[in-house]
PDB file of N, CA and C in Angstrom:
ATOM      1  N   MET A   1     162.001  76.270   3.631  1.00  0.00           N
ATOM      2  CA  MET A   1     163.328  76.380   4.049  1.00  0.00           C
ATOM      3  C   MET A   1     163.713  74.667   3.012  1.00  0.00           C
ATOM      4  N   ILE A   2     164.539  74.535   3.073  1.00  0.00           N
ATOM      5  CA  ILE A   2     164.680  73.177   2.221  1.00  0.00           C
ATOM      6  C   ILE A   2     165.590  72.274   2.804  1.00  0.00           C
ATOM      7  N   GLY A   3     164.785  70.649   3.800  1.00  0.00           N
ATOM      8  CA  GLY A   3     165.296  70.459   4.254  1.00  0.00           C
ATOM      9  C   GLY A   3     166.244  69.192   4.197  1.00  0.00           C
ATOM     10  N   TYR A   4     165.679  68.586   3.297  1.00  0.00           N
ATOM     11  CA  TYR A   4     166.086  67.946   2.080  1.00  0.00           C
ATOM     12  C   TYR A   4     165.557  67.968   0.933  1.00  0.00           C
ATOM     13  N   ILE A   5     166.046  66.873   0.413  1.00  0.00           N
ATOM     14  CA  ILE A   5     165.529  66.529  -1.101  1.00  0.00           C
ATOM     15  C   ILE A   5     165.874  65.383  -1.407  1.00  0.00           C
ATOM     16  N   LYS A   6     165.062  64.074  -1.831  1.00  0.00           N
ATOM     17  CA  LYS A   6     165.173  62.975  -1.941  1.00  0.00           C
ATOM     18  C   LYS A   6     164.621  62.679  -4.048  1.00  0.00           C
ATOM     19  N   GLY A   7     166.027  62.742  -4.471  1.00  0.00           N
ATOM     20  CA  GLY A   7     165.395  62.454  -5.721  1.00  0.00           C
ATOM     21  C   GLY A   7     166.981  61.243  -6.985  1.00  0.00           C
ATOM     22  N   ARG A   8     167.377  62.163  -7.728  1.00  0.00           N
ATOM     23  CA  ARG A   8     168.482  60.602  -8.690  1.00  0.00           C
ATOM     24  C   ARG A   8     169.918  61.718  -7.976  1.00  0.00           C
ATOM     25  N   VAL A   9     171.013  61.186  -9.270  1.00  0.00           N
ATOM     26  CA  VAL A   9     171.610  61.938  -9.013  1.00  0.00           C
ATOM     27  C   VAL A   9     172.373  61.600 -10.617  1.00  0.00           C
ATOM     28  N   VAL A  10     172.150  63.096 -11.106  1.00  0.00           N
ATOM     29  CA  VAL A  10     172.560  63.987 -12.580  1.00  0.00           C
ATOM     30  C   VAL A  10     173.162  63.448 -13.124  1.00  0.00           C
ATOM     31  N   ASP A  11     175.139  63.991 -11.978  1.00  0.00           N
ATOM     32  CA  ASP A  11     175.844  64.008 -12.532  1.00  0.00           C
ATOM     33  C   ASP A  11     176.932  64.990 -11.213  1.00  0.00           C
ATOM     34  N   ILE A  12     178.050  64.588 -11.393  1.00  0.00           N
ATOM     35  CA  ILE A  12     179.122  65.069 -10.212  1.00  0.00           C
ATOM     36  C   ILE A  12     179.989  66.054 -10.841  1.00  0.00           C
ATOM     37  N   LEU A  13     179.399  67.205  -9.732  1.00  0.00           N
ATOM     38  CA  LEU A  13     180.437  68.323 -10.506  1.00  0.00           C
ATOM     39  C   LEU A  13     181.683  69.459  -9.598  1.00  0.00           C
ATOM     40  N   ASP A  14     182.160  69.487 -10.275  1.00  0.00           N
ATOM     41  CA  ASP A  14     183.614  69.952  -9.149  1.00  0.00           C
ATOM     42  C   ASP A  14     184.122  70.404  -8.338  1.00  0.00           C
ATOM     43  N   ASN A  15     182.266  71.282  -7.514  1.00  0.00           N
ATOM     44  CA  ASN A  15     181.996  70.940  -6.255  1.00  0.00           C
ATOM     45  C   ASN A  15     181.292  70.562  -5.995  1.00  0.00           C
ATOM     46  N   GLY A  16     180.369  70.277  -6.474  1.00  0.00           N
ATOM     47  CA  GLY A  16     178.497  69.768  -5.472  1.00  0.00           C
ATOM     48  C   GLY A  16     178.357  68.167  -6.789  1.00  0.00           C
ATOM     49  N   ILE A  17     177.139  68.016  -6.802  1.00  0.00           N
ATOM     50  CA  ILE A  17     175.705  67.358  -7.846  1.00  0.00           C
ATOM     51  C   ILE A  17     175.489  68.050  -8.561  1.00  0.00           C
ATOM     52  N   LEU A  18     174.892  68.310  -8.810  1.00  0.00           N
ATOM     53  CA  LEU A  18     173.199  67.740  -9.827  1.00  0.00           C
ATOM     54  C   LEU A  18     171.741  66.628  -9.654  1.00  0.00           C
ATOM     55  N   PHE A  19     170.710  67.305  -8.850  1.00  0.00           N
ATOM     56  CA  PHE A  19     170.696  66.396  -8.678  1.00  0.00           C
ATOM     57  C   PHE A  19     169.080  66.683  -9.048  1.00  0.00           C
ATOM     58  N   ASP A  20     168.431  65.300  -9.532  1.00  0.00           N
ATOM     59  CA  ASP A  20     166.851  65.572 -10.320  1.00  0.00           C
ATOM     60  C   ASP A  20     165.852  65.056  -8.917  1.00  0.00           C
ATOM     61  N   HIS A  21     164.738  66.066  -8.712  1.00  0.00           N
ATOM     62  CA  HIS A  21     163.851  65.777  -8.491  1.00  0.00           C
ATOM     63  C   HIS A  21     162.603  66.204  -9.302  1.00  0.00           C
ATOM     64  N   ASP A  22     161.690  64.801  -9.435  1.00  0.00           N
ATOM     65  CA  ASP A  22     160.571  65.237 -10.297  1.00  0.00           C
ATOM     66  C   ASP A  22     160.797  66.016 -11.806  1.00  0.00           C
ATOM     67  N   GLY A  23     162.037  65.911 -12.207  1.00  0.00           N
ATOM     68  CA  GLY A  23     162.077  66.355 -13.760  1.00  0.00           C
ATOM     69  C   GLY A  23     162.835  67.126 -12.835  1.00  0.00           C
ATOM     70  N   MET A  24     162.665  68.188 -11.917  1.00  0.00           N
ATOM     71  CA  MET A  24     163.542  69.932 -11.812  1.00  0.00           C
ATOM     72  C   MET A  24     165.352  69.220 -10.987  1.00  0.00           C
ATOM     73  N   GLY A  25     165.914  70.619 -11.147  1.00  0.00           N
ATOM     74  CA  GLY A  25     168.030  70.030 -11.619  1.00  0.00           C
ATOM     75  C   GLY A  25     167.558  71.395 -10.808  1.00  0.00           C
ATOM     76  N   PHE A  26     168.590  70.575  -9.542  1.00  0.00           N
ATOM     77  CA  PHE A  26     169.497  71.259  -8.018  1.00  0.00           C
ATOM     78  C   PHE A  26     170.949  71.416  -8.432  1.00  0.00           C
ATOM     79  N   ILE A  27     171.044  71.765  -8.055  1.00  0.00           N
ATOM     80  CA  ILE A  27     173.079  71.523  -8.197  1.00  0.00           C
ATOM     81  C   ILE A  27     172.714  72.090  -6.795  1.00  0.00           C
ATOM     82  N   ILE A  28     173.583  71.019  -6.184  1.00  0.00           N
ATOM     83  CA  ILE A  28     173.795  71.345  -4.052  1.00  0.00           C
ATOM     84  C   ILE A  28     175.337  71.506  -4.280  1.00  0.00           C
ATOM     85  N   PHE A  29     175.652  72.502  -3.590  1.00  0.00           N
ATOM     86  CA  PHE A  29     177.365  72.311  -3.765  1.00  0.00           C
ATOM     87  C   PHE A  29     177.343  71.451  -2.372  1.00  0.00           C
ATOM     88  N   THR A  30     178.408  70.438  -2.426  1.00  0.00           N
ATOM     89  CA  THR A  30     178.924  69.263  -1.542  1.00  0.00           C
ATOM     90  C   THR A  30     180.109  69.975  -1.095  1.00  0.00           C
ATOM     91  N   SER A  31     180.895  68.342  -0.664  1.00  0.00           N
ATOM     92  CA  SER A  31     181.595  68.472   0.343  1.00  0.00           C
ATOM     93  C   SER A  31     182.458  67.537  -0.771  1.00  0.00           C
ATOM     94  N   ASN A  32     183.808  67.308  -1.544  1.00  0.00           N
ATOM     95  CA  ASN A  32     184.474  65.988  -1.906  1.00  0.00           C
ATOM     96  C   ASN A  32     183.739  65.111  -1.664  1.00  0.00           C
ATOM     97  N   ALA A  33     183.866  64.367   0.265  1.00  0.00           N
ATOM     98  CA  ALA A  33     183.155  63.821   0.170  1.00  0.00           C
ATOM     99  C   ALA A  33     182.403  63.170   0.145  1.00  0.00           C
ATOM    100  N   THR A  34     181.847  63.966  -0.078  1.00  0.00           N
ATOM    101  CA  THR A  34     179.353  63.716  -0.134  1.00  0.00           C
ATOM    102  C   THR A  34     179.886  63.230  -1.481  1.00  0.00           C
ATOM    103  N   ALA A  35     180.199  63.973  -2.477  1.00  0.00           N
ATOM    104  CA  ALA A  35     180.497  64.314  -3.162  1.00  0.00           C
ATOM    105  C   ALA A  35     181.133  63.013  -4.400  1.00  0.00           C
ATOM    106  N   ALA A  36     182.210  62.148  -3.540  1.00  0.00           N
ATOM    107  CA  ALA A  36     182.557  60.561  -4.077  1.00  0.00           C
ATOM    108  C   ALA A  36     182.295  59.767  -3.615  1.00  0.00           C
ATOM    109  N   ALA A  37     181.134  59.548  -2.963  1.00  0.00           N
ATOM    110  CA  ALA A  37     180.718  58.614  -2.281  1.00  0.00           C
ATOM    111  C   ALA A  37     178.955  58.171  -3.014  1.00  0.00           C
ATOM    112  N   LEU A  38     178.564  59.309  -4.242  1.00  0.00           N
ATOM    113  CA  LEU A  38     177.428  59.316  -4.094  1.00  0.00           C
ATOM    114  C   LEU A  38     178.287  59.559  -5.934  1.00  0.00           C
ATOM    115  N   SER A  39     177.354  58.498  -7.131  1.00  0.00           N
ATOM    116  CA  SER A  39     177.152  57.723  -8.267  1.00  0.00           C
ATOM    117  C   SER A  39     176.794  58.267  -9.037  1.00  0.00           C
ATOM    118  N   ASN A  40     176.634  58.190 -10.220  1.00  0.00           N
ATOM    119  CA  ASN A  40     175.545  59.400 -11.784  1.00  0.00           C
ATOM    120  C   ASN A  40     174.142  58.045 -11.058  1.00  0.00           C
ATOM    121  N   ASN A  41     173.285  57.848 -11.215  1.00  0.00           N
ATOM    122  CA  ASN A  41     171.768  57.332 -11.612  1.00  0.00           C
ATOM    123  C   ASN A  41     172.049  56.752  -9.733  1.00  0.00           C
ATOM    124  N   ASP A  42     172.728  57.550  -9.061  1.00  0.00           N
ATOM    125  CA  ASP A  42     172.204  57.056  -7.385  1.00  0.00           C
ATOM    126  C   ASP A  42     170.575  57.810  -6.962  1.00  0.00           C
ATOM    127  N   ASP A  43     169.773  56.972  -6.346  1.00  0.00           N
ATOM    128  CA  ASP A  43     169.557  57.370  -5.796  1.00  0.00           C
ATOM    129  C   ASP A  43     169.132  57.198  -4.254  1.00  0.00           C
ATOM    130  N   ALA A  44     168.866  59.222  -3.594  1.00  0.00           N
ATOM    131  CA  ALA A  44     169.831  59.147  -2.629  1.00  0.00           C
ATOM    132  C   ALA A  44     168.833  60.556  -2.126  1.00  0.00           C
ATOM    133  N   THR A  45     168.692  60.328  -0.567  1.00  0.00           N
ATOM    134  CA  THR A  45     168.197  61.829  -0.260  1.00  0.00           C
ATOM    135  C   THR A  45     168.926  62.519   0.922  1.00  0.00           C
ATOM    136  N   VAL A  46     169.289  63.535  -0.013  1.00  0.00           N
ATOM    137  CA  VAL A  46     170.899  64.918   0.753  1.00  0.00           C
ATOM    138  C   VAL A  46     169.810  65.628   1.385  1.00  0.00           C
ATOM    139  N   TYR A  47     170.311  66.307   3.030  1.00  0.00           N
ATOM    140  CA  TYR A  47     170.057  67.133   3.695  1.00  0.00           C
ATOM    141  C   TYR A  47     170.793  67.833   3.190  1.00  0.00           C
ATOM    142  N   THR A  48     169.843  69.017   3.421  1.00  0.00           N
ATOM    143  CA  THR A  48     170.092  70.844   2.921  1.00  0.00           C
ATOM    144  C   THR A  48     170.642  72.188   4.049  1.00  0.00           C
ATOM    145  N   TYR A  49     170.739  72.777   3.437  1.00  0.00           N
ATOM    146  CA  TYR A  49     170.558  74.234   3.342  1.00  0.00           C
ATOM    147  C   TYR A  49     171.007  75.304   3.016  1.00  0.00           C
ATOM    148  N   LEU A  50     170.113  75.748   2.643  1.00  0.00           N
ATOM    149  CA  LEU A  50     169.659  77.015   1.304  1.00  0.00           C
ATOM    150  C   LEU A  50     170.388  78.560   2.549  1.00  0.00           C
ATOM    151  N   ASN A  51     170.984  78.967   1.719  1.00  0.00           N
ATOM    152  CA  ASN A  51     171.761  79.654   2.134  1.00  0.00           C
ATOM    153  C   ASN A  51     171.116  81.265   1.759  1.00  0.00           C
ATOM    154  N   VAL A  52     171.450  82.238   1.746  1.00  0.00           N
ATOM    155  CA  VAL A  52     170.638  83.273   1.000  1.00  0.00           C
ATOM    156  C   VAL A  52     171.638  84.537   1.571  1.00  0.00           C
ATOM    157  N   ARG A  53     171.930  85.586   0.339  1.00  0.00           N
ATOM    158  CA  ARG A  53     172.875  86.392   0.767  1.00  0.00           C
ATOM    159  C   ARG A  53     172.142  87.692  -0.115  1.00  0.00           C
ATOM    160  N   GLU A  54     172.462  88.462   0.083  1.00  0.00           N
ATOM    161  CA  GLU A  54     172.372  89.804  -0.938  1.00  0.00           C
ATOM    162  C   GLU A  54     172.209  89.294  -2.219  1.00  0.00           C
ATOM    163  N   ASP A  55     173.672  88.927  -2.713  1.00  0.00           N
ATOM    164  CA  ASP A  55     173.853  88.665  -3.705  1.00  0.00           C
ATOM    165  C   ASP A  55     174.323  87.283  -4.466  1.00  0.00           C
ATOM    166  N   ALA A  56     173.282  86.373  -3.554  1.00  0.00           N
ATOM    167  CA  ALA A  56     173.331  84.918  -3.971  1.00  0.00           C
ATOM    168  C   ALA A  56     172.087  83.538  -3.436  1.00  0.00           C
ATOM    169  N   MET A  57     172.732  83.189  -3.584  1.00  0.00           N
ATOM    170  CA  MET A  57     171.286  82.028  -3.159  1.00  0.00           C
ATOM    171  C   MET A  57     171.540  80.346  -3.171  1.00  0.00           C
ATOM    172  N   GLU A  58     171.773  79.997  -2.757  1.00  0.00           N
ATOM    173  CA  GLU A  58     172.965  79.003  -2.019  1.00  0.00           C
ATOM    174  C   GLU A  58     172.605  77.940  -1.505  1.00  0.00           C
ATOM    175  N   LEU A  59     172.545  76.547  -2.648  1.00  0.00           N
ATOM    176  CA  LEU A  59     172.619  74.904  -1.600  1.00  0.00           C
ATOM    177  C   LEU A  59     172.894  74.651  -1.465  1.00  0.00           C
ATOM    178  N   TYR A  60     173.798  73.860   0.106  1.00  0.00           N
ATOM    179  CA  TYR A  60     174.460  72.905   0.487  1.00  0.00           C
ATOM    180  C   TYR A  60     174.253  71.771   0.853  1.00  0.00           C
ATOM    181  N   GLY A  61     174.692  70.849   0.077  1.00  0.00           N
ATOM    182  CA  GLY A  61     173.972  69.343   0.974  1.00  0.00           C
ATOM    183  C   GLY A  61     174.615  68.316   1.317  1.00  0.00           C
ATOM    184  N   HIS A  62     174.883  67.321   2.623  1.00  0.00           N
ATOM    185  CA  HIS A  62     175.640  66.796   2.674  1.00  0.00           C
ATOM    186  C   HIS A  62     174.567  65.099   3.344  1.00  0.00           C
ATOM    187  N   TRP A  63     175.401  63.761   2.576  1.00  0.00           N
ATOM    188  CA  TRP A  63     174.791  63.152   2.664  1.00  0.00           C
ATOM    189  C   TRP A  63     174.860  62.203   3.615  1.00  0.00           C
ATOM    190  N   ASP A  64     174.631  61.474   3.956  1.00  0.00           N
ATOM    191  CA  ASP A  64     175.056  60.147   4.869  1.00  0.00           C
ATOM    192  C   ASP A  64     174.863  58.707   5.060  1.00  0.00           C
ATOM    193  N   MET A  65     175.541  57.478   4.217  1.00  0.00           N
ATOM    194  CA  MET A  65     174.674  57.281   4.548  1.00  0.00           C
ATOM    195  C   MET A  65     173.878  55.936   6.057  1.00  0.00           C
ATOM    196  N   TYR A  66     174.395  56.923   6.808  1.00  0.00           N
ATOM    197  CA  TYR A  66     174.258  55.616   8.424  1.00  0.00           C
ATOM    198  C   TYR A  66     173.002  56.911   8.484  1.00  0.00           C
ATOM    199  N   ILE A  67     171.952  57.512   8.013  1.00  0.00           N
ATOM    200  CA  ILE A  67     170.532  58.556   8.812  1.00  0.00           C
ATOM    201  C   ILE A  67     169.794  57.885   7.651  1.00  0.00           C
TER     202      ILE A  67
END
């Protein structure tokens, strides 16, 4: 399980963010509110949930400035 990822926002996508952690890029699906609160090149910690299914592995995340 991936509890959180600390790194840098590379790009804001239609359904989430592209996030860089030590040279590894993660696509993290987020709500529109989370994506709108972050900007390119922001350093952030995104708390995550890895959804594992038979046909997909999807990483969902939430950023909260108050945590």
